[in-house]
Amino acid sequence: MNKKTEKIVACMLRDKASDEIQTVQTGHRIKLAEFWDIKEGDRVLEVGCGQGDTTAVLAYHVGKTGSVYAVDIASPGYGAPFTLAQSTYYLLQSELGSRIEFKLETDILRGDLAFEAETFDVAVISHASWYFKSKTELLEMLRVLKKWAKRICFAEWNPHLTDARQESHLLAVLVQAQYEAFKSETESNVRTFITPDDIAEMAQSQGWQVTSEGDIWTREMQDASWEASFVVHHIAEEIAKQEALPAKFKELLLTQTKLIDIDNVLPMSSYCCVIED
């Protein structure tokens, strides 16, 4: 672990079981922040902050003269193994805490927040786009953020695979996205499947430019195993909840699930980009 990662991880709530997980997750997010060129003094708005994994990294990079305003629609009691309330409180008590303001249970699209034009240098959506209810809702969020920030920094898993062992991660995501399409209420990690091509189309539709883009891959990222294991072990339970699903569609989901190899899975890379006028 390098000194930067060590310093940030020290600010995060974790236990013995999650220490290595947090180290890997933080290291990956450092790569994202460096790709986005988050600098000393930047004023950052983060949407979908969750437990603060990316927030802590952003706070480190903006330094003592910068700030991170971190927003999430979820309630303080959401999340595991630590809730959002527990994780964010711990982070606020750390040496990075003075640079951060958290707003949980806050819905930007409902009008819970309002800022002047270009209040922020950067708006960040980091591995949070799949939580949106629809592509239309994500585009609406991007429109709002583009008014408040000079540029938008985006990251999400990239379904364009470079290794056959990534297929199980992608399949787990696609299976979830398919049955989530029939839900009205959910706490799933995958609610809408967004691809790099979707982001490019959204930017083009608004006359914006994707000024830089690339892939960041961290082999050790645990998300692939988490998603694959969840689908394999809980697909029957999820299908049972959806009485409206056609029988043939249920069979299709189960067949796809059988292709998931939880013992030989690698994570997809993260597609990163910067959106500007």
C-alpha atoms as a PDB file:
ATOM      1  CA  MET A   1       0.000   0.000   0.000  1.00  0.00           C
ATOM      2  CA  ASN A   2       1.460   3.389  -0.954  1.00  0.00           C
ATOM      3  CA  LYS A   3       1.401   6.362   1.425  1.00  0.00           C
ATOM      4  CA  LYS A   4      -1.521   8.105  -0.287  1.00  0.00           C
ATOM      5  CA  THR A   5      -3.728   5.031  -0.096  1.00  0.00           C
ATOM      6  CA  GLU A   6      -2.663   4.368   3.490  1.00  0.00           C
ATOM      7  CA  LYS A   7      -3.488   7.914   4.558  1.00  0.00           C
ATOM      8  CA  ILE A   8      -6.957   7.858   2.979  1.00  0.00           C
ATOM      9  CA  VAL A   9      -7.827   4.362   4.228  1.00  0.00           C
ATOM     10  CA  ALA A  10      -6.937   5.481   7.753  1.00  0.00           C
ATOM     11  CA  CYS A  11      -9.839   7.942   7.524  1.00  0.00           C
ATOM     12  CA  MET A  12     -12.385   5.253   6.557  1.00  0.00           C
ATOM     13  CA  LEU A  13     -14.548   3.160   8.891  1.00  0.00           C
ATOM     14  CA  ARG A  14     -13.515  -0.471   8.612  1.00  0.00           C
ATOM     15  CA  ASP A  15     -12.868  -3.586  10.671  1.00  0.00           C
ATOM     16  CA  LYS A  16     -10.404  -6.450  10.324  1.00  0.00           C
ATOM     17  CA  ALA A  17     -12.639  -8.217   7.818  1.00  0.00           C
ATOM     18  CA  SER A  18     -13.082  -5.167   5.588  1.00  0.00           C
ATOM     19  CA  ASP A  19      -9.617  -3.631   5.843  1.00  0.00           C
ATOM     20  CA  GLU A  20      -8.267  -5.259   2.656  1.00  0.00           C
ATOM     21  CA  ILE A  21     -11.527  -4.536   0.814  1.00  0.00           C
ATOM     22  CA  GLN A  22     -11.297  -0.852   1.719  1.00  0.00           C
ATOM     23  CA  THR A  23      -7.670  -0.695   0.627  1.00  0.00           C
ATOM     24  CA  VAL A  24      -8.502  -2.106  -2.816  1.00  0.00           C
ATOM     25  CA  GLN A  25     -11.579   0.103  -3.248  1.00  0.00           C
ATOM     26  CA  THR A  26      -9.649   3.214  -2.241  1.00  0.00           C
ATOM     27  CA  GLY A  27      -6.738   2.417  -4.526  1.00  0.00           C
ATOM     28  CA  HIS A  28      -9.108   2.099  -7.481  1.00  0.00           C
ATOM     29  CA  ARG A  29     -10.758   5.427  -6.723  1.00  0.00           C
ATOM     30  CA  ILE A  30      -7.405   7.145  -6.487  1.00  0.00           C
ATOM     31  CA  LYS A  31      -6.830   6.083 -10.096  1.00  0.00           C
ATOM     32  CA  LEU A  32     -10.182   7.646 -11.037  1.00  0.00           C
ATOM     33  CA  ALA A  33      -9.416  10.947  -9.301  1.00  0.00           C
ATOM     34  CA  GLU A  34      -6.024  11.107 -10.965  1.00  0.00           C
ATOM     35  CA  PHE A  35      -7.579  10.427 -14.370  1.00  0.00           C
ATOM     36  CA  TRP A  36     -10.095  13.240 -13.767  1.00  0.00           C
ATOM     37  CA  ASP A  37      -7.268  15.543 -12.653  1.00  0.00           C
ATOM     38  CA  ILE A  38      -8.930  16.554  -9.385  1.00  0.00           C
ATOM     39  CA  LYS A  39      -6.695  19.331  -8.079  1.00  0.00           C
ATOM     40  CA  GLU A  40      -5.864  21.273  -4.944  1.00  0.00           C
ATOM     41  CA  GLY A  41      -8.547  23.884  -4.311  1.00  0.00           C
ATOM     42  CA  ASP A  42     -11.261  22.274  -6.448  1.00  0.00           C
ATOM     43  CA  ARG A  43     -14.857  22.657  -5.304  1.00  0.00           C
ATOM     44  CA  VAL A  44     -16.445  19.258  -5.938  1.00  0.00           C
ATOM     45  CA  LEU A  45     -20.080  18.128  -5.943  1.00  0.00           C
ATOM     46  CA  GLU A  46     -20.400  14.343  -5.697  1.00  0.00           C
ATOM     47  CA  VAL A  47     -23.702  12.654  -6.541  1.00  0.00           C
ATOM     48  CA  GLY A  48     -24.287   9.150  -5.192  1.00  0.00           C
ATOM     49  CA  CYS A  49     -21.620   9.291  -2.492  1.00  0.00           C
ATOM     50  CA  GLY A  50     -22.780   6.198  -0.584  1.00  0.00           C
ATOM     51  CA  GLN A  51     -20.506   5.396   2.355  1.00  0.00           C
ATOM     52  CA  GLY A  52     -17.930   7.894   1.121  1.00  0.00           C
ATOM     53  CA  ASP A  53     -15.450   5.637  -0.692  1.00  0.00           C
ATOM     54  CA  THR A  54     -14.940   8.166  -3.481  1.00  0.00           C
ATOM     55  CA  THR A  55     -15.649  11.136  -1.208  1.00  0.00           C
ATOM     56  CA  ALA A  56     -12.559  10.467   0.901  1.00  0.00           C
ATOM     57  CA  VAL A  57     -10.359  10.234  -2.189  1.00  0.00           C
ATOM     58  CA  LEU A  58     -11.782  13.463  -3.610  1.00  0.00           C
ATOM     59  CA  ALA A  59     -11.290  15.217  -0.259  1.00  0.00           C
ATOM     60  CA  TYR A  60      -7.651  14.163  -0.193  1.00  0.00           C
ATOM     61  CA  HIS A  61      -7.038  15.502  -3.703  1.00  0.00           C
ATOM     62  CA  VAL A  62      -8.751  18.888  -3.220  1.00  0.00           C
ATOM     63  CA  GLY A  63      -6.524  19.572  -0.224  1.00  0.00           C
ATOM     64  CA  LYS A  64      -7.131  22.011   2.610  1.00  0.00           C
ATOM     65  CA  THR A  65      -8.261  24.771   0.252  1.00  0.00           C
ATOM     66  CA  GLY A  66     -10.839  22.645  -1.582  1.00  0.00           C
ATOM     67  CA  SER A  67     -14.182  21.139  -0.628  1.00  0.00           C
ATOM     68  CA  VAL A  68     -16.413  18.164  -1.367  1.00  0.00           C
ATOM     69  CA  TYR A  69     -20.200  18.437  -1.142  1.00  0.00           C
ATOM     70  CA  ALA A  70     -21.364  14.811  -1.118  1.00  0.00           C
ATOM     71  CA  VAL A  71     -25.007  13.913  -1.811  1.00  0.00           C
ATOM     72  CA  ASP A  72     -26.949  10.649  -1.728  1.00  0.00           C
ATOM     73  CA  ILE A  73     -30.649   9.887  -2.030  1.00  0.00           C
ATOM     74  CA  ALA A  74     -30.366   6.912   0.349  1.00  0.00           C
ATOM     75  CA  SER A  75     -31.305   7.033   4.021  1.00  0.00           C
ATOM     76  CA  PRO A  76     -28.659   7.093   6.783  1.00  0.00           C
ATOM     77  CA  GLY A  77     -29.584   3.499   7.717  1.00  0.00           C
ATOM     78  CA  TYR A  78     -28.850   2.120   4.216  1.00  0.00           C
ATOM     79  CA  GLY A  79     -25.714   0.085   3.496  1.00  0.00           C
ATOM     80  CA  ALA A  80     -23.588  -2.808   4.733  1.00  0.00           C
ATOM     81  CA  PRO A  81     -21.415  -3.836   6.499  1.00  0.00           C
ATOM     82  CA  PHE A  82     -21.602  -0.265   7.794  1.00  0.00           C
ATOM     83  CA  THR A  83     -24.509   2.086   7.217  1.00  0.00           C
ATOM     84  CA  LEU A  84     -24.143   5.412   5.457  1.00  0.00           C
ATOM     85  CA  ALA A  85     -24.614   7.165   8.797  1.00  0.00           C
ATOM     86  CA  GLN A  86     -21.827   5.190  10.467  1.00  0.00           C
ATOM     87  CA  SER A  87     -19.364   5.524   7.599  1.00  0.00           C
ATOM     88  CA  THR A  88     -19.934   9.202   6.905  1.00  0.00           C
ATOM     89  CA  TYR A  89     -19.780  10.146  10.604  1.00  0.00           C
ATOM     90  CA  TYR A  90     -16.438   8.368  10.962  1.00  0.00           C
ATOM     91  CA  LEU A  91     -15.065  10.099   7.867  1.00  0.00           C
ATOM     92  CA  LEU A  92     -16.192  13.493   9.126  1.00  0.00           C
ATOM     93  CA  GLN A  93     -14.230  12.945  12.356  1.00  0.00           C
ATOM     94  CA  SER A  94     -11.041  12.222  10.386  1.00  0.00           C
ATOM     95  CA  GLU A  95      -8.450  14.728   9.196  1.00  0.00           C
ATOM     96  CA  LEU A  96     -10.306  14.917   5.872  1.00  0.00           C
ATOM     97  CA  GLY A  97     -13.621  15.720   7.546  1.00  0.00           C
ATOM     98  CA  SER A  98     -13.311  19.507   7.527  1.00  0.00           C
ATOM     99  CA  ARG A  99     -13.270  19.450   3.715  1.00  0.00           C
ATOM    100  CA  ILE A 100     -16.499  17.428   3.406  1.00  0.00           C
ATOM    101  CA  GLU A 101     -20.203  18.135   3.787  1.00  0.00           C
ATOM    102  CA  PHE A 102     -22.618  15.196   3.498  1.00  0.00           C
ATOM    103  CA  LYS A 103     -26.277  15.472   2.484  1.00  0.00           C
ATOM    104  CA  LEU A 104     -28.068  12.117   2.826  1.00  0.00           C
ATOM    105  CA  GLU A 105     -31.727  11.469   1.986  1.00  0.00           C
ATOM    106  CA  THR A 106     -31.374  14.311  -0.486  1.00  0.00           C
ATOM    107  CA  ASP A 107     -32.982  14.166  -3.920  1.00  0.00           C
ATOM    108  CA  ILE A 108     -31.516  16.747  -6.287  1.00  0.00           C
ATOM    109  CA  LEU A 109     -34.112  16.064  -8.978  1.00  0.00           C
ATOM    110  CA  ARG A 110     -36.907  16.628  -6.479  1.00  0.00           C
ATOM    111  CA  GLY A 111     -35.499  20.085  -5.800  1.00  0.00           C
ATOM    112  CA  ASP A 112     -33.911  19.417  -2.415  1.00  0.00           C
ATOM    113  CA  LEU A 113     -30.847  21.447  -3.430  1.00  0.00           C
ATOM    114  CA  ALA A 114     -30.227  24.522  -5.534  1.00  0.00           C
ATOM    115  CA  PHE A 115     -26.976  26.261  -6.458  1.00  0.00           C
ATOM    116  CA  GLU A 116     -25.896  29.165  -8.613  1.00  0.00           C
ATOM    117  CA  ALA A 117     -24.314  28.494 -12.005  1.00  0.00           C
ATOM    118  CA  GLU A 118     -20.775  27.098 -11.756  1.00  0.00           C
ATOM    119  CA  THR A 119     -20.805  26.971  -7.965  1.00  0.00           C
ATOM    120  CA  PHE A 120     -18.555  23.927  -8.354  1.00  0.00           C
ATOM    121  CA  ASP A 121     -15.475  23.266 -10.435  1.00  0.00           C
ATOM    122  CA  VAL A 122     -16.337  19.583 -10.754  1.00  0.00           C
ATOM    123  CA  ALA A 123     -19.404  17.344 -10.433  1.00  0.00           C
ATOM    124  CA  VAL A 124     -18.674  13.634  -9.940  1.00  0.00           C
ATOM    125  CA  ILE A 125     -20.820  10.558 -10.603  1.00  0.00           C
ATOM    126  CA  SER A 126     -18.611   7.615  -9.676  1.00  0.00           C
ATOM    127  CA  HIS A 127     -20.041   4.110 -10.026  1.00  0.00           C
ATOM    128  CA  ALA A 128     -23.484   5.494  -9.237  1.00  0.00           C
ATOM    129  CA  SER A 129     -25.197   5.717 -12.637  1.00  0.00           C
ATOM    130  CA  TRP A 130     -26.737   2.231 -12.420  1.00  0.00           C
ATOM    131  CA  TYR A 131     -28.699   3.350  -9.339  1.00  0.00           C
ATOM    132  CA  PHE A 132     -30.808   5.734 -11.444  1.00  0.00           C
ATOM    133  CA  LYS A 133     -34.359   4.653 -12.260  1.00  0.00           C
ATOM    134  CA  SER A 134     -33.900   5.233 -15.995  1.00  0.00           C
ATOM    135  CA  LYS A 135     -31.624   6.699 -18.627  1.00  0.00           C
ATOM    136  CA  THR A 136     -33.974   9.664 -18.798  1.00  0.00           C
ATOM    137  CA  GLU A 137     -33.470  10.344 -15.094  1.00  0.00           C
ATOM    138  CA  LEU A 138     -29.681  10.171 -15.472  1.00  0.00           C
ATOM    139  CA  LEU A 139     -29.784  12.645 -18.363  1.00  0.00           C
ATOM    140  CA  GLU A 140     -31.924  14.972 -16.259  1.00  0.00           C
ATOM    141  CA  MET A 141     -29.305  14.791 -13.511  1.00  0.00           C
ATOM    142  CA  LEU A 142     -26.501  15.525 -15.964  1.00  0.00           C
ATOM    143  CA  ARG A 143     -28.391  18.598 -17.182  1.00  0.00           C
ATOM    144  CA  VAL A 144     -28.686  19.923 -13.635  1.00  0.00           C
ATOM    145  CA  LEU A 145     -25.070  19.206 -12.791  1.00  0.00           C
ATOM    146  CA  LYS A 146     -23.860  20.863 -15.980  1.00  0.00           C
ATOM    147  CA  LYS A 147     -25.425  24.128 -14.775  1.00  0.00           C
ATOM    148  CA  TRP A 148     -23.810  23.921 -11.357  1.00  0.00           C
ATOM    149  CA  ALA A 149     -20.343  22.682 -12.332  1.00  0.00           C
ATOM    150  CA  LYS A 150     -17.771  23.554 -14.968  1.00  0.00           C
ATOM    151  CA  ARG A 151     -17.253  19.911 -15.854  1.00  0.00           C
ATOM    152  CA  ILE A 152     -18.694  16.492 -15.026  1.00  0.00           C
ATOM    153  CA  CYS A 153     -16.421  13.573 -14.149  1.00  0.00           C
ATOM    154  CA  PHE A 154     -18.010  10.175 -14.693  1.00  0.00           C
ATOM    155  CA  ALA A 155     -17.086   6.550 -14.012  1.00  0.00           C
ATOM    156  CA  GLU A 156     -19.004   3.278 -14.398  1.00  0.00           C
ATOM    157  CA  TRP A 157     -18.239  -0.343 -15.197  1.00  0.00           C
ATOM    158  CA  ASN A 158     -17.468  -0.852 -18.876  1.00  0.00           C
ATOM    159  CA  PRO A 159     -19.335  -3.786 -20.526  1.00  0.00           C
ATOM    160  CA  HIS A 160     -16.834  -3.848 -23.404  1.00  0.00           C
ATOM    161  CA  LEU A 161     -14.768  -6.788 -22.166  1.00  0.00           C
ATOM    162  CA  THR A 162     -11.058  -7.408 -22.596  1.00  0.00           C
ATOM    163  CA  ASP A 163     -10.878 -10.812 -20.860  1.00  0.00           C
ATOM    164  CA  ALA A 164     -13.278 -13.768 -21.087  1.00  0.00           C
ATOM    165  CA  ARG A 165     -13.243 -14.051 -17.280  1.00  0.00           C
ATOM    166  CA  GLN A 166     -15.050 -10.696 -17.088  1.00  0.00           C
ATOM    167  CA  GLU A 167     -18.119 -12.253 -18.709  1.00  0.00           C
ATOM    168  CA  SER A 168     -19.500 -13.470 -15.368  1.00  0.00           C
ATOM    169  CA  HIS A 169     -19.416  -9.929 -13.975  1.00  0.00           C
ATOM    170  CA  LEU A 170     -21.272  -8.632 -17.022  1.00  0.00           C
ATOM    171  CA  LEU A 171     -23.800 -11.487 -16.976  1.00  0.00           C
ATOM    172  CA  ALA A 172     -24.546 -10.861 -13.295  1.00  0.00           C
ATOM    173  CA  VAL A 173     -25.180  -7.204 -14.069  1.00  0.00           C
ATOM    174  CA  LEU A 174     -27.390  -7.957 -17.076  1.00  0.00           C
ATOM    175  CA  VAL A 175     -29.483 -10.525 -15.197  1.00  0.00           C
ATOM    176  CA  GLN A 176     -30.126  -7.991 -12.445  1.00  0.00           C
ATOM    177  CA  ALA A 177     -30.934  -5.222 -14.918  1.00  0.00           C
ATOM    178  CA  GLN A 178     -33.476  -7.454 -16.656  1.00  0.00           C
ATOM    179  CA  TYR A 179     -35.532  -8.369 -13.618  1.00  0.00           C
ATOM    180  CA  GLU A 180     -35.117  -4.885 -12.128  1.00  0.00           C
ATOM    181  CA  ALA A 181     -36.942  -3.527 -15.175  1.00  0.00           C
ATOM    182  CA  PHE A 182     -40.125  -5.044 -13.711  1.00  0.00           C
ATOM    183  CA  LYS A 183     -39.740  -3.552 -10.217  1.00  0.00           C
ATOM    184  CA  SER A 184     -41.259  -0.348  -8.887  1.00  0.00           C
ATOM    185  CA  GLU A 185     -39.344  -0.375  -5.584  1.00  0.00           C
ATOM    186  CA  THR A 186     -35.809  -1.687  -5.150  1.00  0.00           C
ATOM    187  CA  GLU A 187     -32.520  -1.445  -3.262  1.00  0.00           C
ATOM    188  CA  SER A 188     -30.530  -3.261  -5.936  1.00  0.00           C
ATOM    189  CA  ASN A 189     -27.043  -2.243  -7.048  1.00  0.00           C
ATOM    190  CA  VAL A 190     -28.176  -2.429 -10.682  1.00  0.00           C
ATOM    191  CA  ARG A 191     -31.410  -0.642 -11.573  1.00  0.00           C
ATOM    192  CA  THR A 192     -30.627   0.742 -15.032  1.00  0.00           C
ATOM    193  CA  PHE A 193     -27.911  -0.519 -17.356  1.00  0.00           C
ATOM    194  CA  ILE A 194     -25.856   2.438 -18.634  1.00  0.00           C
ATOM    195  CA  THR A 195     -23.035   2.000 -21.161  1.00  0.00           C
ATOM    196  CA  PRO A 196     -20.269   4.313 -22.436  1.00  0.00           C
ATOM    197  CA  ASP A 197     -22.242   4.656 -25.675  1.00  0.00           C
ATOM    198  CA  ASP A 198     -25.228   5.934 -23.681  1.00  0.00           C
ATOM    199  CA  ILE A 199     -23.062   8.589 -22.046  1.00  0.00           C
ATOM    200  CA  ALA A 200     -21.692   9.659 -25.431  1.00  0.00           C
ATOM    201  CA  GLU A 201     -25.224   9.935 -26.837  1.00  0.00           C
ATOM    202  CA  MET A 202     -26.418  11.959 -23.853  1.00  0.00           C
ATOM    203  CA  ALA A 203     -23.503  14.362 -24.169  1.00  0.00           C
ATOM    204  CA  GLN A 204     -24.054  14.744 -27.920  1.00  0.00           C
ATOM    205  CA  SER A 205     -27.782  15.377 -27.436  1.00  0.00           C
ATOM    206  CA  GLN A 206     -26.960  18.350 -25.212  1.00  0.00           C
ATOM    207  CA  GLY A 207     -24.151  19.738 -27.333  1.00  0.00           C
ATOM    208  CA  TRP A 208     -21.499  18.784 -24.772  1.00  0.00           C
ATOM    209  CA  GLN A 209     -18.062  17.354 -25.446  1.00  0.00           C
ATOM    210  CA  VAL A 210     -16.448  14.269 -23.934  1.00  0.00           C
ATOM    211  CA  THR A 211     -13.018  15.868 -23.630  1.00  0.00           C
ATOM    212  CA  SER A 212     -11.200  12.831 -22.269  1.00  0.00           C
ATOM    213  CA  GLU A 213     -12.075   9.193 -21.772  1.00  0.00           C
ATOM    214  CA  GLY A 214     -10.348   5.962 -20.876  1.00  0.00           C
ATOM    215  CA  ASP A 215     -10.461   2.696 -18.972  1.00  0.00           C
ATOM    216  CA  ILE A 216      -9.171   2.040 -15.473  1.00  0.00           C
ATOM    217  CA  TRP A 217      -8.815  -1.595 -14.458  1.00  0.00           C
ATOM    218  CA  THR A 218      -8.082  -2.890 -10.978  1.00  0.00           C
ATOM    219  CA  ARG A 219      -7.856  -6.665 -11.016  1.00  0.00           C
ATOM    220  CA  GLU A 220      -8.422  -6.999  -7.265  1.00  0.00           C
ATOM    221  CA  MET A 221     -11.762  -5.137  -7.197  1.00  0.00           C
ATOM    222  CA  GLN A 222     -14.236  -7.340  -5.332  1.00  0.00           C
ATOM    223  CA  ASP A 223     -17.391  -6.086  -7.044  1.00  0.00           C
ATOM    224  CA  ALA A 224     -17.363  -8.787  -9.715  1.00  0.00           C
ATOM    225  CA  SER A 225     -17.417 -11.576  -7.136  1.00  0.00           C
ATOM    226  CA  TRP A 226     -20.074  -9.786  -5.090  1.00  0.00           C
ATOM    227  CA  GLU A 227     -22.420  -9.322  -8.038  1.00  0.00           C
ATOM    228  CA  ALA A 228     -21.872 -12.814  -9.439  1.00  0.00           C
ATOM    229  CA  SER A 229     -22.404 -14.491  -6.058  1.00  0.00           C
ATOM    230  CA  PHE A 230     -25.503 -12.434  -5.345  1.00  0.00           C
ATOM    231  CA  VAL A 231     -27.182 -13.430  -8.603  1.00  0.00           C
ATOM    232  CA  VAL A 232     -26.239 -17.112  -8.394  1.00  0.00           C
ATOM    233  CA  HIS A 233     -27.415 -17.460  -4.804  1.00  0.00           C
ATOM    234  CA  HIS A 234     -30.470 -15.193  -4.882  1.00  0.00           C
ATOM    235  CA  ILE A 235     -31.895 -15.436  -8.407  1.00  0.00           C
ATOM    236  CA  ALA A 236     -34.669 -17.828  -7.345  1.00  0.00           C
ATOM    237  CA  GLU A 237     -35.686 -15.479  -4.541  1.00  0.00           C
ATOM    238  CA  GLU A 238     -35.690 -12.474  -6.852  1.00  0.00           C
ATOM    239  CA  ILE A 239     -37.734 -14.258  -9.508  1.00  0.00           C
ATOM    240  CA  ALA A 240     -40.276 -15.383  -6.921  1.00  0.00           C
ATOM    241  CA  LYS A 241     -40.885 -11.735  -5.974  1.00  0.00           C
ATOM    242  CA  GLN A 242     -41.872 -10.892  -9.547  1.00  0.00           C
ATOM    243  CA  GLU A 243     -45.177 -12.624 -10.155  1.00  0.00           C
ATOM    244  CA  ALA A 244     -45.712 -10.679 -13.354  1.00  0.00           C
ATOM    245  CA  LEU A 245     -42.629 -12.140 -15.041  1.00  0.00           C
ATOM    246  CA  PRO A 246     -43.553 -14.471 -17.921  1.00  0.00           C
ATOM    247  CA  ALA A 247     -42.513 -18.083 -17.368  1.00  0.00           C
ATOM    248  CA  LYS A 248     -40.316 -18.080 -20.456  1.00  0.00           C
ATOM    249  CA  PHE A 249     -38.531 -14.950 -19.271  1.00  0.00           C
ATOM    250  CA  LYS A 250     -37.855 -16.573 -15.891  1.00  0.00           C
ATOM    251  CA  GLU A 251     -36.341 -19.540 -17.717  1.00  0.00           C
ATOM    252  CA  LEU A 252     -34.137 -17.168 -19.703  1.00  0.00           C
ATOM    253  CA  LEU A 253     -32.842 -15.512 -16.535  1.00  0.00           C
ATOM    254  CA  LEU A 254     -32.090 -18.871 -14.941  1.00  0.00           C
ATOM    255  CA  THR A 255     -30.280 -20.061 -18.078  1.00  0.00           C
ATOM    256  CA  GLN A 256     -28.116 -16.939 -18.138  1.00  0.00           C
ATOM    257  CA  THR A 257     -27.331 -17.389 -14.459  1.00  0.00           C
ATOM    258  CA  LYS A 258     -25.995 -20.888 -15.122  1.00  0.00           C
ATOM    259  CA  LEU A 259     -23.298 -19.319 -17.308  1.00  0.00           C
ATOM    260  CA  ILE A 260     -21.921 -17.319 -14.364  1.00  0.00           C
ATOM    261  CA  ASP A 261     -18.708 -18.752 -12.947  1.00  0.00           C
ATOM    262  CA  ILE A 262     -18.290 -17.411  -9.420  1.00  0.00           C
ATOM    263  CA  ASP A 263     -14.961 -19.212  -9.006  1.00  0.00           C
ATOM    264  CA  ASN A 264     -13.247 -17.684 -12.026  1.00  0.00           C
ATOM    265  CA  VAL A 265     -14.446 -14.108 -12.394  1.00  0.00           C
ATOM    266  CA  LEU A 266     -12.589 -10.881 -13.025  1.00  0.00           C
ATOM    267  CA  PRO A 267     -14.027  -7.371 -12.696  1.00  0.00           C
ATOM    268  CA  MET A 268     -14.823  -5.273 -15.717  1.00  0.00           C
ATOM    269  CA  SER A 269     -12.773  -2.131 -16.165  1.00  0.00           C
ATOM    270  CA  SER A 270     -14.155   1.277 -15.241  1.00  0.00           C
ATOM    271  CA  TYR A 271     -15.016   3.590 -18.108  1.00  0.00           C
ATOM    272  CA  CYS A 272     -13.996   7.142 -17.145  1.00  0.00           C
ATOM    273  CA  CYS A 273     -14.678  10.393 -18.903  1.00  0.00           C
ATOM    274  CA  VAL A 274     -14.874  14.141 -18.497  1.00  0.00           C
ATOM    275  CA  ILE A 275     -17.845  16.051 -19.938  1.00  0.00           C
ATOM    276  CA  GLU A 276     -17.572  19.753 -20.734  1.00  0.00           C
ATOM    277  CA  ASP A 277     -19.260  22.366 -22.923  1.00  0.00           C
END
